[in-house]
C-alpha atoms as a PDB file:
ATOM      1  CA  MET A   1     -33.685 -10.191  -1.559  1.00  0.00           C
ATOM      2  CA  ALA A   2     -33.673  -8.218   1.678  1.00  0.00           C
ATOM      3  CA  ILE A   3     -30.794 -10.369   2.914  1.00  0.00           C
ATOM      4  CA  VAL A   4     -28.861 -10.665  -0.334  1.00  0.00           C
ATOM      5  CA  MET A   5     -28.498  -6.934  -1.113  1.00  0.00           C
ATOM      6  CA  PRO A   6     -26.913  -5.901   2.222  1.00  0.00           C
ATOM      7  CA  VAL A   7     -24.536  -8.857   2.049  1.00  0.00           C
ATOM      8  CA  LEU A   8     -23.562  -7.927  -1.522  1.00  0.00           C
ATOM      9  CA  MET A   9     -22.997  -4.301  -0.537  1.00  0.00           C
ATOM     10  CA  LEU A  10     -20.868  -5.406   2.411  1.00  0.00           C
ATOM     11  CA  CYS A  11     -18.761  -7.612   0.134  1.00  0.00           C
ATOM     12  CA  TRP A  12     -18.302  -4.792  -2.389  1.00  0.00           C
ATOM     13  CA  GLY A  13     -17.321  -2.371   0.358  1.00  0.00           C
ATOM     14  CA  TYR A  14     -14.805  -4.828   1.769  1.00  0.00           C
ATOM     15  CA  ALA A  15     -13.328  -5.440  -1.694  1.00  0.00           C
ATOM     16  CA  ILE A  16     -12.974  -1.713  -2.419  1.00  0.00           C
ATOM     17  CA  TRP A  17     -11.387  -1.152   1.006  1.00  0.00           C
ATOM     18  CA  GLY A  18      -8.934  -3.969   0.288  1.00  0.00           C
ATOM     19  CA  PHE A  19      -7.923  -2.466  -3.062  1.00  0.00           C
ATOM     20  CA  ILE A  20      -7.381   0.944  -1.482  1.00  0.00           C
ATOM     21  CA  LYS A  21      -5.339  -0.534   1.365  1.00  0.00           C
ATOM     22  CA  THR A  22      -3.217  -2.570  -1.051  1.00  0.00           C
ATOM     23  CA  GLY A  23      -2.531   0.532  -3.131  1.00  0.00           C
ATOM     24  CA  ARG A  24      -1.434   2.469  -0.072  1.00  0.00           C
ATOM     25  CA  LEU A  25       0.854  -0.337   1.027  1.00  0.00           C
ATOM     26  CA  ASN A  26       2.499  -0.426  -2.399  1.00  0.00           C
ATOM     27  CA  ASP A  27       3.092   3.335  -2.235  1.00  0.00           C
ATOM     28  CA  GLU A  28       4.582   3.016   1.242  1.00  0.00           C
ATOM     29  CA  ILE A  29       6.888   0.195   0.151  1.00  0.00           C
ATOM     30  CA  LYS A  30       8.102   2.253  -2.824  1.00  0.00           C
ATOM     31  CA  TYR A  31       8.762   5.221  -0.531  1.00  0.00           C
ATOM     32  CA  LEU A  32      10.705   3.097   1.951  1.00  0.00           C
ATOM     33  CA  ASP A  33      12.750   1.575  -0.877  1.00  0.00           C
ATOM     34  CA  GLN A  34      13.621   5.062  -2.116  1.00  0.00           C
ATOM     35  CA  MET A  35      14.656   6.118   1.385  1.00  0.00           C
ATOM     36  CA  GLU A  36      16.850   3.035   1.763  1.00  0.00           C
ATOM     37  CA  TYR A  37      18.453   3.695  -1.639  1.00  0.00           C
ATOM     38  CA  ALA A  38      19.153   7.315  -0.698  1.00  0.00           C
ATOM     39  CA  LYS A  39      20.708   6.164   2.585  1.00  0.00           C
ATOM     40  CA  LEU A  40      22.940   3.716   0.703  1.00  0.00           C
ATOM     41  CA  LEU A  41      24.075   6.455  -1.663  1.00  0.00           C
ATOM     42  CA  THR A  42      24.826   8.772   1.246  1.00  0.00           C
ATOM     43  CA  ASN A  43      26.846   6.105   3.033  1.00  0.00           C
ATOM     44  CA  ALA A  44      28.742   5.239  -0.143  1.00  0.00           C
ATOM     45  CA  SER A  45      29.645   8.869  -0.824  1.00  0.00           C
ATOM     46  CA  THR A  46      30.880   9.474   2.737  1.00  0.00           C
ATOM     47  CA  LYS A  47      33.214   6.450   2.618  1.00  0.00           C
ATOM     48  CA  ASP A  48      35.180   7.877  -0.319  1.00  0.00           C
END
């Protein structure tokens, strides 16, 4: 039991960290997509 509990807590911590990191990556990808879209709109409006 003394070995199992720390290993379980380590696994839970790693899983929670992974979920948080994945969420941040998704937010960053959405932001970069929005920036790219805004750049495309700016370039399209300057060509006219």
